[in-house]
Amino acid sequence: MGRKKIKKIKKKPKIKKINLKSKKPEKKLISTQKSSQLEEKVEIKKIKKQATEKKIYNVNDHVVYPKHGVGKIISVEKAKIGDIDIHFYKVHIERDKLTLTIPINQQSNLRHICSVHQVNKCISILKSKPKVKRTMWSRRAQEYEHKINSGKIYELAEVVRDLNKNSNTIADQSYSERQLFEKAYDRLEGELEVVLKVSPEDVKKKMNKALNREEKTLEA
């Protein structure tokens, strides 16, 4: 019998696995605690101050505050509210018998009293023909109120002119018309009195003459 041939099994060569993963770069450890400690600053508490703004008015100056009319600065003071230092004007409104506290950073709400030239312009407005719109009274009343509180001297004169009835007879005006007229009249009279440096009676005569109004003072 012949010998059986034995087949040799070829061994497959071992394939070496190559690690394709690249090595991560080593992170440098930084001492965050030390750096944060160095960066920390000592917090110093300071009293907050009001936004700086140059003072425009001085003590004894006459100014106009739109919602109250002409007044006089009686002092410039400082106060601490919470942690904030505030500088403010004390404005005395003689007609209303009150004193206003107005921060200096809100002094834009004030204005200087008008000039003699502006007074003459106001008298010319009072002499001119009224311009009354043909709209509902409620709408016109709002417009008049807005003009009175605007603080603008010419708009104040326009309200006096437009609501003037040439007399003090109560029947000639509704209650609301009379209220608005007297409010505007008093505001205008107060400023003219300070600018012209004359008595209230002389100012009223000048205004009533321009309005062609009876020489009779307004009733309270």
N, C-alpha and C. Protein backbone atom coordinates (compact mmCIF):
# COMPACT_ATOMS: atom_id res chain seq x y z
N MET A 1 0.86 -1.18 0.00
CA MET A 1 0.00 0.00 0.00
C MET A 1 0.89 1.22 0.00
N GLY A 2 0.45 2.15 -0.77
CA GLY A 2 1.25 3.37 -0.81
C GLY A 2 0.94 4.30 0.35
N ARG A 3 1.90 5.08 0.75
CA ARG A 3 1.69 6.01 1.88
C ARG A 3 0.80 7.18 1.44
N LYS A 4 -0.07 7.55 2.42
CA LYS A 4 -0.97 8.71 2.16
C LYS A 4 -0.16 9.98 2.26
N LYS A 5 -0.39 10.82 1.29
CA LYS A 5 0.28 12.12 1.32
C LYS A 5 -0.40 13.04 2.31
N ILE A 6 0.39 13.59 3.18
CA ILE A 6 -0.16 14.52 4.20
C ILE A 6 0.01 15.94 3.69
N LYS A 7 -1.15 16.61 3.57
CA LYS A 7 -1.13 18.01 3.10
C LYS A 7 -0.69 18.93 4.22
N LYS A 8 0.28 19.71 3.91
CA LYS A 8 0.73 20.69 4.91
C LYS A 8 -0.16 21.93 4.85
N ILE A 9 -0.67 22.26 6.01
CA ILE A 9 -1.54 23.47 6.11
C ILE A 9 -0.67 24.67 6.36
N LYS A 10 -0.74 25.57 5.40
CA LYS A 10 0.07 26.77 5.55
C LYS A 10 -0.57 27.71 6.57
N LYS A 11 0.24 28.08 7.50
CA LYS A 11 -0.25 29.03 8.51
C LYS A 11 -0.29 30.44 7.92
N LYS A 12 -1.43 31.08 8.19
CA LYS A 12 -1.59 32.47 7.73
C LYS A 12 -0.68 33.38 8.57
N PRO A 13 0.02 34.24 7.90
CA PRO A 13 0.90 35.15 8.68
C PRO A 13 0.08 36.10 9.56
N LYS A 14 0.53 36.25 10.76
CA LYS A 14 -0.19 37.12 11.69
C LYS A 14 -0.02 38.59 11.27
N ILE A 15 -1.17 39.26 11.19
CA ILE A 15 -1.16 40.69 10.83
C ILE A 15 -1.14 41.50 12.11
N LYS A 16 -0.11 42.25 12.19
CA LYS A 16 0.00 43.08 13.39
C LYS A 16 -0.98 44.25 13.32
N LYS A 17 -1.75 44.41 14.37
CA LYS A 17 -2.73 45.51 14.45
C LYS A 17 -2.00 46.80 14.77
N ILE A 18 -2.23 47.72 13.87
CA ILE A 18 -1.60 49.02 14.08
C ILE A 18 -2.60 49.95 14.75
N ASN A 19 -2.22 50.50 15.84
CA ASN A 19 -3.10 51.43 16.58
C ASN A 19 -3.08 52.79 15.87
N LEU A 20 -4.19 53.03 15.16
CA LEU A 20 -4.30 54.26 14.39
C LEU A 20 -4.63 55.48 15.24
N LYS A 21 -5.06 55.20 16.43
CA LYS A 21 -5.43 56.30 17.32
C LYS A 21 -4.18 57.08 17.69
N SER A 22 -4.25 58.37 17.34
CA SER A 22 -3.09 59.21 17.68
C SER A 22 -3.11 59.55 19.14
N LYS A 23 -1.96 59.68 19.64
CA LYS A 23 -1.86 60.00 21.05
C LYS A 23 -2.35 61.42 21.31
N LYS A 24 -3.20 61.55 22.34
CA LYS A 24 -3.71 62.87 22.71
C LYS A 24 -2.59 63.69 23.34
N PRO A 25 -2.55 64.97 22.94
CA PRO A 25 -1.51 65.80 23.57
C PRO A 25 -1.80 66.00 25.03
N GLU A 26 -0.78 65.95 25.75
CA GLU A 26 -0.96 66.10 27.20
C GLU A 26 -1.33 67.53 27.53
N LYS A 27 -2.37 67.61 28.33
CA LYS A 27 -2.83 68.94 28.76
C LYS A 27 -1.98 69.42 29.91
N LYS A 28 -1.61 70.65 29.75
CA LYS A 28 -0.85 71.22 30.83
C LYS A 28 -1.79 71.66 31.94
N LEU A 29 -1.52 71.23 33.08
CA LEU A 29 -2.36 71.59 34.23
C LEU A 29 -1.99 72.98 34.72
N ILE A 30 -3.02 73.81 34.76
CA ILE A 30 -2.79 75.18 35.23
C ILE A 30 -3.45 75.35 36.59
N SER A 31 -2.76 75.92 37.41
CA SER A 31 -3.29 76.13 38.77
C SER A 31 -4.28 77.29 38.74
N THR A 32 -5.57 76.89 38.55
CA THR A 32 -6.61 77.93 38.46
C THR A 32 -6.82 78.65 39.77
N GLN A 33 -6.61 77.92 40.82
CA GLN A 33 -6.82 78.54 42.13
C GLN A 33 -5.85 79.69 42.35
N LYS A 34 -4.58 79.44 41.99
CA LYS A 34 -3.57 80.48 42.21
C LYS A 34 -3.83 81.69 41.35
N SER A 35 -4.19 81.43 40.05
CA SER A 35 -4.41 82.55 39.14
C SER A 35 -5.62 83.37 39.54
N SER A 36 -6.67 82.65 40.00
CA SER A 36 -7.89 83.37 40.41
C SER A 36 -7.62 84.23 41.64
N GLN A 37 -6.77 83.70 42.50
CA GLN A 37 -6.45 84.46 43.71
C GLN A 37 -5.68 85.73 43.35
N LEU A 38 -4.80 85.62 42.32
CA LEU A 38 -4.04 86.79 41.92
C LEU A 38 -4.93 87.83 41.25
N GLU A 39 -5.94 87.31 40.49
CA GLU A 39 -6.82 88.21 39.75
C GLU A 39 -7.86 88.89 40.63
N GLU A 40 -8.14 88.28 41.76
CA GLU A 40 -9.15 88.86 42.64
C GLU A 40 -8.72 90.23 43.11
N LYS A 41 -9.65 91.17 43.05
CA LYS A 41 -9.37 92.52 43.50
C LYS A 41 -10.20 92.83 44.73
N VAL A 42 -9.64 93.62 45.56
CA VAL A 42 -10.36 94.00 46.78
C VAL A 42 -11.45 94.99 46.39
N GLU A 43 -12.69 94.65 46.69
CA GLU A 43 -13.83 95.50 46.36
C GLU A 43 -13.98 96.59 47.40
N ILE A 44 -13.88 97.84 46.94
CA ILE A 44 -14.03 98.97 47.84
C ILE A 44 -15.39 99.61 47.59
N LYS A 45 -16.20 99.66 48.61
CA LYS A 45 -17.53 100.24 48.48
C LYS A 45 -17.42 101.76 48.47
N LYS A 46 -17.96 102.34 47.40
CA LYS A 46 -17.97 103.79 47.30
C LYS A 46 -19.41 104.29 47.25
N ILE A 47 -19.62 105.47 47.78
CA ILE A 47 -20.96 106.05 47.72
C ILE A 47 -21.21 106.51 46.29
N LYS A 48 -22.27 105.98 45.72
CA LYS A 48 -22.60 106.35 44.34
C LYS A 48 -23.01 107.81 44.28
N LYS A 49 -22.60 108.46 43.20
CA LYS A 49 -22.95 109.86 43.04
C LYS A 49 -23.94 110.02 41.89
N GLN A 50 -24.69 111.09 41.98
CA GLN A 50 -25.64 111.41 40.93
C GLN A 50 -24.87 111.70 39.64
N ALA A 51 -25.48 111.38 38.51
CA ALA A 51 -24.84 111.66 37.23
C ALA A 51 -24.42 113.13 37.16
N THR A 52 -23.15 113.34 36.89
CA THR A 52 -22.63 114.70 36.94
C THR A 52 -23.24 115.56 35.85
N GLU A 53 -23.68 116.74 36.24
CA GLU A 53 -24.26 117.70 35.31
C GLU A 53 -23.99 119.09 35.86
N LYS A 54 -23.54 119.97 35.01
CA LYS A 54 -23.20 121.31 35.45
C LYS A 54 -24.44 122.07 35.88
N LYS A 55 -24.31 122.74 36.99
CA LYS A 55 -25.42 123.52 37.54
C LYS A 55 -25.64 124.76 36.68
N ILE A 56 -26.87 124.94 36.21
CA ILE A 56 -27.19 126.06 35.33
C ILE A 56 -27.70 127.26 36.14
N TYR A 57 -28.48 126.98 37.18
CA TYR A 57 -29.13 128.04 37.95
C TYR A 57 -28.46 128.27 39.29
N ASN A 58 -28.68 129.46 39.82
CA ASN A 58 -28.10 129.83 41.11
C ASN A 58 -29.19 130.27 42.08
N VAL A 59 -28.82 130.38 43.34
CA VAL A 59 -29.75 130.83 44.37
C VAL A 59 -30.25 132.22 44.01
N ASN A 60 -31.55 132.45 44.23
CA ASN A 60 -32.26 133.72 43.95
C ASN A 60 -32.63 133.90 42.48
N ASP A 61 -32.27 132.93 41.62
CA ASP A 61 -32.71 132.99 40.22
C ASP A 61 -34.19 132.67 40.13
N HIS A 62 -34.88 133.39 39.25
CA HIS A 62 -36.28 133.06 38.97
C HIS A 62 -36.30 132.08 37.80
N VAL A 63 -37.07 131.03 37.96
CA VAL A 63 -37.18 130.00 36.92
C VAL A 63 -38.65 129.65 36.72
N VAL A 64 -38.91 128.92 35.64
CA VAL A 64 -40.29 128.48 35.37
C VAL A 64 -40.32 126.97 35.39
N TYR A 65 -41.19 126.41 36.23
CA TYR A 65 -41.43 124.97 36.24
C TYR A 65 -42.78 124.77 35.56
N PRO A 66 -42.81 124.06 34.42
CA PRO A 66 -44.01 123.98 33.57
C PRO A 66 -45.34 123.74 34.29
N LYS A 67 -45.36 122.82 35.24
CA LYS A 67 -46.65 122.47 35.87
C LYS A 67 -47.08 123.41 36.99
N HIS A 68 -46.20 124.35 37.36
CA HIS A 68 -46.55 125.26 38.46
C HIS A 68 -46.30 126.73 38.14
N GLY A 69 -45.57 127.02 37.08
CA GLY A 69 -45.32 128.41 36.74
C GLY A 69 -44.02 128.94 37.32
N VAL A 70 -43.96 130.25 37.49
CA VAL A 70 -42.73 130.90 37.91
C VAL A 70 -42.44 130.67 39.39
N GLY A 71 -41.15 130.49 39.70
CA GLY A 71 -40.72 130.27 41.08
C GLY A 71 -39.33 130.84 41.29
N LYS A 72 -38.85 130.75 42.52
CA LYS A 72 -37.55 131.30 42.85
C LYS A 72 -36.70 130.23 43.54
N ILE A 73 -35.45 130.10 43.11
CA ILE A 73 -34.55 129.13 43.74
C ILE A 73 -34.08 129.70 45.08
N ILE A 74 -34.43 129.03 46.16
CA ILE A 74 -34.08 129.54 47.49
C ILE A 74 -32.82 128.87 48.05
N SER A 75 -32.44 127.72 47.48
CA SER A 75 -31.21 127.06 47.92
C SER A 75 -30.83 125.93 46.98
N VAL A 76 -29.54 125.56 47.05
CA VAL A 76 -29.04 124.38 46.33
C VAL A 76 -28.47 123.47 47.41
N GLU A 77 -29.04 122.28 47.55
CA GLU A 77 -28.70 121.41 48.67
C GLU A 77 -28.24 120.03 48.21
N LYS A 78 -27.74 119.26 49.20
CA LYS A 78 -27.28 117.90 48.92
C LYS A 78 -27.89 116.97 49.95
N ALA A 79 -28.28 115.79 49.50
CA ALA A 79 -28.85 114.79 50.42
C ALA A 79 -28.38 113.41 50.00
N LYS A 80 -28.41 112.49 50.96
CA LYS A 80 -28.01 111.11 50.68
C LYS A 80 -29.24 110.23 50.78
N ILE A 81 -29.61 109.62 49.68
CA ILE A 81 -30.77 108.72 49.65
C ILE A 81 -30.24 107.31 49.38
N GLY A 82 -30.30 106.47 50.40
CA GLY A 82 -29.68 105.15 50.29
C GLY A 82 -28.18 105.31 50.24
N ASP A 83 -27.56 104.85 49.15
CA ASP A 83 -26.12 105.00 48.96
C ASP A 83 -25.79 106.05 47.89
N ILE A 84 -26.78 106.85 47.55
CA ILE A 84 -26.59 107.81 46.45
C ILE A 84 -26.62 109.25 46.97
N ASP A 85 -25.62 110.02 46.56
CA ASP A 85 -25.57 111.45 46.87
C ASP A 85 -26.34 112.20 45.79
N ILE A 86 -27.28 113.03 46.19
CA ILE A 86 -28.10 113.79 45.24
C ILE A 86 -28.00 115.28 45.53
N HIS A 87 -27.74 116.07 44.48
CA HIS A 87 -27.74 117.52 44.58
C HIS A 87 -29.05 118.02 43.95
N PHE A 88 -29.68 118.98 44.57
CA PHE A 88 -30.97 119.44 44.06
C PHE A 88 -31.22 120.91 44.38
N TYR A 89 -32.17 121.48 43.61
CA TYR A 89 -32.61 122.85 43.84
C TYR A 89 -33.86 122.83 44.72
N LYS A 90 -33.98 123.84 45.55
CA LYS A 90 -35.23 124.09 46.27
C LYS A 90 -35.88 125.29 45.59
N VAL A 91 -37.03 125.07 44.97
CA VAL A 91 -37.71 126.13 44.23
C VAL A 91 -39.03 126.47 44.92
N HIS A 92 -39.15 127.72 45.32
CA HIS A 92 -40.38 128.15 46.00
C HIS A 92 -41.35 128.78 45.00
N ILE A 93 -42.57 128.23 44.94
CA ILE A 93 -43.62 128.76 44.07
C ILE A 93 -44.55 129.60 44.95
N GLU A 94 -44.41 130.89 44.86
CA GLU A 94 -45.15 131.80 45.75
C GLU A 94 -46.66 131.70 45.57
N ARG A 95 -47.13 131.63 44.34
CA ARG A 95 -48.57 131.61 44.08
C ARG A 95 -49.25 130.36 44.65
N ASP A 96 -48.56 129.23 44.58
CA ASP A 96 -49.15 127.98 45.09
C ASP A 96 -48.74 127.69 46.53
N LYS A 97 -47.89 128.55 47.10
CA LYS A 97 -47.42 128.39 48.47
C LYS A 97 -46.81 126.99 48.69
N LEU A 98 -45.92 126.61 47.78
CA LEU A 98 -45.25 125.31 47.93
C LEU A 98 -43.79 125.42 47.51
N THR A 99 -43.00 124.46 47.96
CA THR A 99 -41.58 124.41 47.62
C THR A 99 -41.27 123.09 46.94
N LEU A 100 -40.69 123.15 45.76
CA LEU A 100 -40.36 121.96 44.98
C LEU A 100 -38.91 121.56 45.18
N THR A 101 -38.66 120.25 45.17
CA THR A 101 -37.30 119.72 45.22
C THR A 101 -36.99 119.12 43.86
N ILE A 102 -36.06 119.74 43.13
CA ILE A 102 -35.77 119.31 41.76
C ILE A 102 -34.29 118.93 41.63
N PRO A 103 -33.99 117.64 41.42
CA PRO A 103 -32.59 117.20 41.25
C PRO A 103 -31.90 117.95 40.12
N ILE A 104 -30.62 118.23 40.29
CA ILE A 104 -29.88 118.97 39.27
C ILE A 104 -29.84 118.22 37.95
N ASN A 105 -29.83 116.88 37.99
CA ASN A 105 -29.80 116.14 36.72
C ASN A 105 -31.17 116.13 36.03
N GLN A 106 -32.16 116.82 36.64
CA GLN A 106 -33.47 116.98 35.99
C GLN A 106 -33.77 118.46 35.76
N GLN A 107 -32.71 119.29 35.75
CA GLN A 107 -32.92 120.72 35.61
C GLN A 107 -33.41 121.11 34.22
N SER A 108 -33.40 120.15 33.28
CA SER A 108 -33.93 120.43 31.94
C SER A 108 -35.44 120.69 32.01
N ASN A 109 -36.07 120.29 33.13
CA ASN A 109 -37.50 120.55 33.30
C ASN A 109 -37.77 122.01 33.63
N LEU A 110 -36.72 122.73 34.00
CA LEU A 110 -36.84 124.15 34.31
C LEU A 110 -36.45 124.99 33.10
N ARG A 111 -36.82 126.25 33.13
CA ARG A 111 -36.32 127.19 32.11
C ARG A 111 -36.19 128.57 32.75
N HIS A 112 -35.35 129.39 32.13
CA HIS A 112 -35.21 130.76 32.60
C HIS A 112 -36.49 131.53 32.31
N ILE A 113 -36.75 132.58 33.08
CA ILE A 113 -37.91 133.42 32.78
C ILE A 113 -37.67 134.11 31.44
N CYS A 114 -38.75 134.53 30.79
CA CYS A 114 -38.64 135.11 29.46
C CYS A 114 -38.00 136.50 29.51
N SER A 115 -37.66 137.01 28.35
CA SER A 115 -37.05 138.35 28.23
C SER A 115 -38.15 139.38 28.00
N VAL A 116 -37.77 140.66 28.07
CA VAL A 116 -38.72 141.75 27.81
C VAL A 116 -39.22 141.66 26.37
N HIS A 117 -38.33 141.27 25.46
CA HIS A 117 -38.73 141.10 24.06
C HIS A 117 -39.83 140.04 23.94
N GLN A 118 -39.68 138.95 24.67
CA GLN A 118 -40.69 137.89 24.64
C GLN A 118 -42.01 138.34 25.27
N VAL A 119 -41.91 139.21 26.27
CA VAL A 119 -43.13 139.78 26.88
C VAL A 119 -43.90 140.58 25.83
N ASN A 120 -43.18 141.40 25.06
CA ASN A 120 -43.82 142.20 24.01
C ASN A 120 -44.49 141.31 22.96
N LYS A 121 -43.83 140.18 22.67
CA LYS A 121 -44.40 139.22 21.71
C LYS A 121 -45.68 138.62 22.28
N CYS A 122 -45.69 138.34 23.58
CA CYS A 122 -46.89 137.80 24.24
C CYS A 122 -48.05 138.79 24.18
N ILE A 123 -47.74 140.08 24.39
CA ILE A 123 -48.77 141.11 24.33
C ILE A 123 -49.35 141.18 22.92
N SER A 124 -48.50 141.02 21.91
CA SER A 124 -48.97 141.01 20.51
C SER A 124 -49.89 139.83 20.26
N ILE A 125 -49.57 138.68 20.86
CA ILE A 125 -50.42 137.47 20.71
C ILE A 125 -51.78 137.73 21.35
N LEU A 126 -51.78 138.37 22.53
CA LEU A 126 -53.04 138.66 23.22
C LEU A 126 -53.92 139.60 22.40
N LYS A 127 -53.30 140.48 21.64
CA LYS A 127 -54.05 141.44 20.82
C LYS A 127 -54.58 140.81 19.53
N SER A 128 -53.99 139.71 19.11
CA SER A 128 -54.38 139.08 17.84
C SER A 128 -55.74 138.38 17.93
N LYS A 129 -56.25 138.01 16.78
CA LYS A 129 -57.56 137.37 16.70
C LYS A 129 -57.49 135.93 17.21
N PRO A 130 -58.46 135.52 18.04
CA PRO A 130 -58.47 134.14 18.56
C PRO A 130 -58.54 133.11 17.43
N LYS A 131 -57.87 131.98 17.65
CA LYS A 131 -57.91 130.88 16.68
C LYS A 131 -58.54 129.67 17.36
N VAL A 132 -59.85 129.57 17.25
CA VAL A 132 -60.58 128.49 17.91
C VAL A 132 -60.94 127.41 16.89
N LYS A 133 -60.49 126.19 17.14
CA LYS A 133 -60.78 125.08 16.24
C LYS A 133 -62.23 124.61 16.41
N ARG A 134 -62.81 124.16 15.31
CA ARG A 134 -64.19 123.64 15.37
C ARG A 134 -64.18 122.15 15.68
N THR A 135 -63.75 121.84 16.86
CA THR A 135 -63.73 120.44 17.32
C THR A 135 -64.46 120.35 18.64
N MET A 136 -64.64 119.13 19.11
CA MET A 136 -65.35 118.93 20.39
C MET A 136 -64.58 119.61 21.50
N TRP A 137 -65.33 120.13 22.49
CA TRP A 137 -64.69 120.85 23.60
C TRP A 137 -63.72 119.97 24.37
N SER A 138 -64.06 118.70 24.55
CA SER A 138 -63.18 117.81 25.32
C SER A 138 -61.80 117.70 24.67
N ARG A 139 -61.78 117.68 23.35
CA ARG A 139 -60.50 117.60 22.63
C ARG A 139 -59.73 118.91 22.75
N ARG A 140 -60.46 120.02 22.59
CA ARG A 140 -59.81 121.33 22.70
C ARG A 140 -59.29 121.56 24.12
N ALA A 141 -60.06 121.10 25.11
CA ALA A 141 -59.65 121.26 26.52
C ALA A 141 -58.33 120.55 26.79
N GLN A 142 -58.15 119.36 26.21
CA GLN A 142 -56.90 118.62 26.36
C GLN A 142 -55.74 119.37 25.73
N GLU A 143 -55.99 119.96 24.56
CA GLU A 143 -54.94 120.73 23.88
C GLU A 143 -54.56 121.96 24.69
N TYR A 144 -55.54 122.63 25.27
CA TYR A 144 -55.27 123.81 26.09
C TYR A 144 -54.47 123.42 27.34
N GLU A 145 -54.87 122.32 27.95
CA GLU A 145 -54.17 121.85 29.16
C GLU A 145 -52.72 121.52 28.83
N HIS A 146 -52.51 120.90 27.68
CA HIS A 146 -51.15 120.54 27.25
C HIS A 146 -50.31 121.80 27.04
N LYS A 147 -50.90 122.82 26.43
CA LYS A 147 -50.19 124.08 26.19
C LYS A 147 -49.84 124.77 27.50
N ILE A 148 -50.77 124.76 28.44
CA ILE A 148 -50.54 125.41 29.74
C ILE A 148 -49.38 124.75 30.47
N ASN A 149 -49.32 123.42 30.43
CA ASN A 149 -48.28 122.68 31.15
C ASN A 149 -47.00 122.48 30.36
N SER A 150 -46.95 123.03 29.15
CA SER A 150 -45.74 122.89 28.33
C SER A 150 -44.62 123.79 28.85
N GLY A 151 -45.00 124.86 29.54
CA GLY A 151 -44.00 125.81 30.04
C GLY A 151 -43.56 126.81 28.98
N LYS A 152 -44.14 126.75 27.79
CA LYS A 152 -43.77 127.66 26.71
C LYS A 152 -44.63 128.93 26.79
N ILE A 153 -43.97 130.06 26.92
CA ILE A 153 -44.65 131.33 27.17
C ILE A 153 -45.62 131.73 26.05
N TYR A 154 -45.25 131.46 24.79
CA TYR A 154 -46.13 131.85 23.68
C TYR A 154 -47.39 130.99 23.63
N GLU A 155 -47.24 129.70 23.94
CA GLU A 155 -48.42 128.82 23.96
C GLU A 155 -49.36 129.20 25.10
N LEU A 156 -48.79 129.66 26.20
CA LEU A 156 -49.60 130.13 27.33
C LEU A 156 -50.42 131.35 26.92
N ALA A 157 -49.78 132.27 26.21
CA ALA A 157 -50.47 133.48 25.74
C ALA A 157 -51.58 133.12 24.74
N GLU A 158 -51.35 132.10 23.92
CA GLU A 158 -52.36 131.68 22.95
C GLU A 158 -53.62 131.14 23.65
N VAL A 159 -53.43 130.39 24.74
CA VAL A 159 -54.57 129.86 25.49
C VAL A 159 -55.38 131.01 26.09
N VAL A 160 -54.69 131.99 26.67
CA VAL A 160 -55.37 133.15 27.25
C VAL A 160 -56.17 133.88 26.18
N ARG A 161 -55.56 134.08 25.02
CA ARG A 161 -56.24 134.77 23.91
C ARG A 161 -57.46 134.00 23.42
N ASP A 162 -57.30 132.68 23.21
CA ASP A 162 -58.37 131.88 22.64
C ASP A 162 -59.55 131.68 23.59
N LEU A 163 -59.31 131.69 24.89
CA LEU A 163 -60.39 131.48 25.87
C LEU A 163 -60.94 132.78 26.45
N ASN A 164 -60.39 133.89 26.01
CA ASN A 164 -60.85 135.19 26.52
C ASN A 164 -62.24 135.51 25.99
N LYS A 165 -63.11 135.96 26.90
CA LYS A 165 -64.47 136.32 26.51
C LYS A 165 -64.74 137.82 26.68
N ASN A 166 -63.69 138.59 26.91
CA ASN A 166 -63.77 140.05 27.03
C ASN A 166 -64.53 140.54 28.27
N SER A 167 -64.88 139.63 29.16
CA SER A 167 -65.56 140.06 30.39
C SER A 167 -65.36 139.00 31.47
N ASN A 168 -65.76 139.35 32.69
CA ASN A 168 -65.67 138.43 33.81
C ASN A 168 -67.02 137.80 34.14
N THR A 169 -67.99 138.02 33.29
CA THR A 169 -69.32 137.47 33.55
C THR A 169 -69.27 135.95 33.45
N ILE A 170 -69.66 135.28 34.54
CA ILE A 170 -69.58 133.82 34.60
C ILE A 170 -70.42 133.15 33.52
N ALA A 171 -71.56 133.78 33.17
CA ALA A 171 -72.47 133.18 32.18
C ALA A 171 -71.85 133.08 30.79
N ASP A 172 -70.80 133.88 30.54
CA ASP A 172 -70.19 133.89 29.22
C ASP A 172 -69.28 132.68 28.97
N GLN A 173 -68.95 131.95 30.02
CA GLN A 173 -68.05 130.80 29.89
C GLN A 173 -68.58 129.61 30.67
N SER A 174 -68.29 128.41 30.17
CA SER A 174 -68.61 127.21 30.93
C SER A 174 -67.61 127.12 32.09
N TYR A 175 -67.91 126.27 33.05
CA TYR A 175 -67.04 126.15 34.22
C TYR A 175 -65.63 125.70 33.82
N SER A 176 -65.54 124.69 32.96
CA SER A 176 -64.23 124.17 32.55
C SER A 176 -63.44 125.19 31.74
N GLU A 177 -64.15 125.97 30.89
CA GLU A 177 -63.48 127.02 30.12
C GLU A 177 -62.89 128.07 31.06
N ARG A 178 -63.69 128.47 32.02
CA ARG A 178 -63.24 129.50 32.96
C ARG A 178 -62.04 129.01 33.79
N GLN A 179 -62.08 127.74 34.19
CA GLN A 179 -60.98 127.17 34.97
C GLN A 179 -59.67 127.21 34.18
N LEU A 180 -59.73 126.79 32.93
CA LEU A 180 -58.54 126.78 32.08
C LEU A 180 -58.05 128.21 31.80
N PHE A 181 -59.01 129.11 31.57
CA PHE A 181 -58.64 130.50 31.28
C PHE A 181 -57.91 131.12 32.48
N GLU A 182 -58.47 130.93 33.67
CA GLU A 182 -57.86 131.52 34.87
C GLU A 182 -56.49 130.92 35.17
N LYS A 183 -56.35 129.62 34.90
CA LYS A 183 -55.07 128.95 35.12
C LYS A 183 -53.99 129.53 34.20
N ALA A 184 -54.33 129.69 32.92
CA ALA A 184 -53.38 130.24 31.95
C ALA A 184 -53.12 131.72 32.24
N TYR A 185 -54.17 132.46 32.55
CA TYR A 185 -54.05 133.89 32.85
C TYR A 185 -53.12 134.13 34.04
N ASP A 186 -53.32 133.36 35.12
CA ASP A 186 -52.49 133.51 36.33
C ASP A 186 -51.02 133.17 36.07
N ARG A 187 -50.78 132.10 35.28
CA ARG A 187 -49.40 131.70 34.96
C ARG A 187 -48.70 132.81 34.18
N LEU A 188 -49.40 133.33 33.18
CA LEU A 188 -48.81 134.38 32.34
C LEU A 188 -48.59 135.65 33.15
N GLU A 189 -49.58 136.01 33.95
CA GLU A 189 -49.48 137.21 34.79
C GLU A 189 -48.28 137.12 35.75
N GLY A 190 -48.10 135.93 36.35
CA GLY A 190 -47.01 135.73 37.31
C GLY A 190 -45.64 135.94 36.68
N GLU A 191 -45.46 135.44 35.46
CA GLU A 191 -44.16 135.58 34.81
C GLU A 191 -43.92 137.00 34.34
N LEU A 192 -44.96 137.64 33.81
CA LEU A 192 -44.81 139.02 33.36
C LEU A 192 -44.50 139.96 34.53
N GLU A 193 -45.09 139.67 35.66
CA GLU A 193 -44.85 140.47 36.87
C GLU A 193 -43.37 140.44 37.27
N VAL A 194 -42.76 139.24 37.21
CA VAL A 194 -41.35 139.09 37.58
C VAL A 194 -40.43 139.74 36.55
N VAL A 195 -40.74 139.55 35.26
CA VAL A 195 -39.89 140.08 34.20
C VAL A 195 -39.94 141.60 34.15
N LEU A 196 -41.15 142.17 34.23
CA LEU A 196 -41.31 143.62 34.13
C LEU A 196 -41.06 144.34 35.46
N LYS A 197 -41.03 143.55 36.55
CA LYS A 197 -40.79 144.10 37.89
C LYS A 197 -41.80 145.19 38.24
N VAL A 198 -43.06 144.85 38.03
CA VAL A 198 -44.15 145.78 38.36
C VAL A 198 -45.16 145.05 39.25
N SER A 199 -46.13 145.77 39.75
CA SER A 199 -47.13 145.19 40.65
C SER A 199 -48.11 144.32 39.87
N PRO A 200 -48.77 143.39 40.56
CA PRO A 200 -49.76 142.54 39.89
C PRO A 200 -50.87 143.36 39.23
N GLU A 201 -51.25 144.46 39.85
CA GLU A 201 -52.31 145.31 39.29
C GLU A 201 -51.90 145.90 37.94
N ASP A 202 -50.64 146.34 37.85
CA ASP A 202 -50.16 146.93 36.60
C ASP A 202 -50.08 145.88 35.48
N VAL A 203 -49.70 144.66 35.86
CA VAL A 203 -49.64 143.58 34.86
C VAL A 203 -51.03 143.26 34.35
N LYS A 204 -51.99 143.19 35.26
CA LYS A 204 -53.37 142.89 34.86
C LYS A 204 -53.92 143.97 33.93
N LYS A 205 -53.60 145.23 34.22
CA LYS A 205 -54.07 146.32 33.35
C LYS A 205 -53.48 146.17 31.95
N LYS A 206 -52.22 145.82 31.89
CA LYS A 206 -51.53 145.66 30.60
C LYS A 206 -52.14 144.50 29.81
N MET A 207 -52.38 143.36 30.50
CA MET A 207 -52.96 142.19 29.84
C MET A 207 -54.40 142.44 29.42
N ASN A 208 -55.20 143.05 30.31
CA ASN A 208 -56.62 143.30 30.00
C ASN A 208 -56.79 144.28 28.86
N LYS A 209 -55.86 145.24 28.78
CA LYS A 209 -55.92 146.20 27.68
C LYS A 209 -55.64 145.50 26.35
N ALA A 210 -54.67 144.60 26.37
CA ALA A 210 -54.33 143.85 25.15
C ALA A 210 -55.48 142.93 24.74
N LEU A 211 -56.19 142.40 25.72
CA LEU A 211 -57.31 141.48 25.45
C LEU A 211 -58.63 142.21 25.19
N ASN A 212 -58.55 143.55 25.32
CA ASN A 212 -59.77 144.35 25.21
C ASN A 212 -60.81 143.89 26.24
N ARG A 213 -60.30 143.63 27.42
CA ARG A 213 -61.11 143.06 28.49
C ARG A 213 -61.52 144.16 29.47
N GLU A 214 -62.64 143.97 30.13
CA GLU A 214 -63.11 144.94 31.11
C GLU A 214 -62.07 145.17 32.18
N GLU A 215 -61.90 146.41 32.61
CA GLU A 215 -60.93 146.74 33.66
C GLU A 215 -61.47 146.30 35.00
N LYS A 216 -61.45 144.99 35.18
CA LYS A 216 -61.95 144.40 36.43
C LYS A 216 -61.12 143.16 36.70
N THR A 217 -60.61 143.04 37.90
CA THR A 217 -59.75 141.91 38.22
C THR A 217 -60.53 140.62 38.20
N LEU A 218 -59.85 139.55 37.90
CA LEU A 218 -60.50 138.24 37.88
C LEU A 218 -60.97 137.86 39.26
N GLU A 219 -62.18 137.35 39.33
CA GLU A 219 -62.73 136.89 40.60
C GLU A 219 -62.13 135.54 40.94
N ALA A 220 -61.92 135.30 42.22
CA ALA A 220 -61.35 134.00 42.64
C ALA A 220 -62.34 132.89 42.43
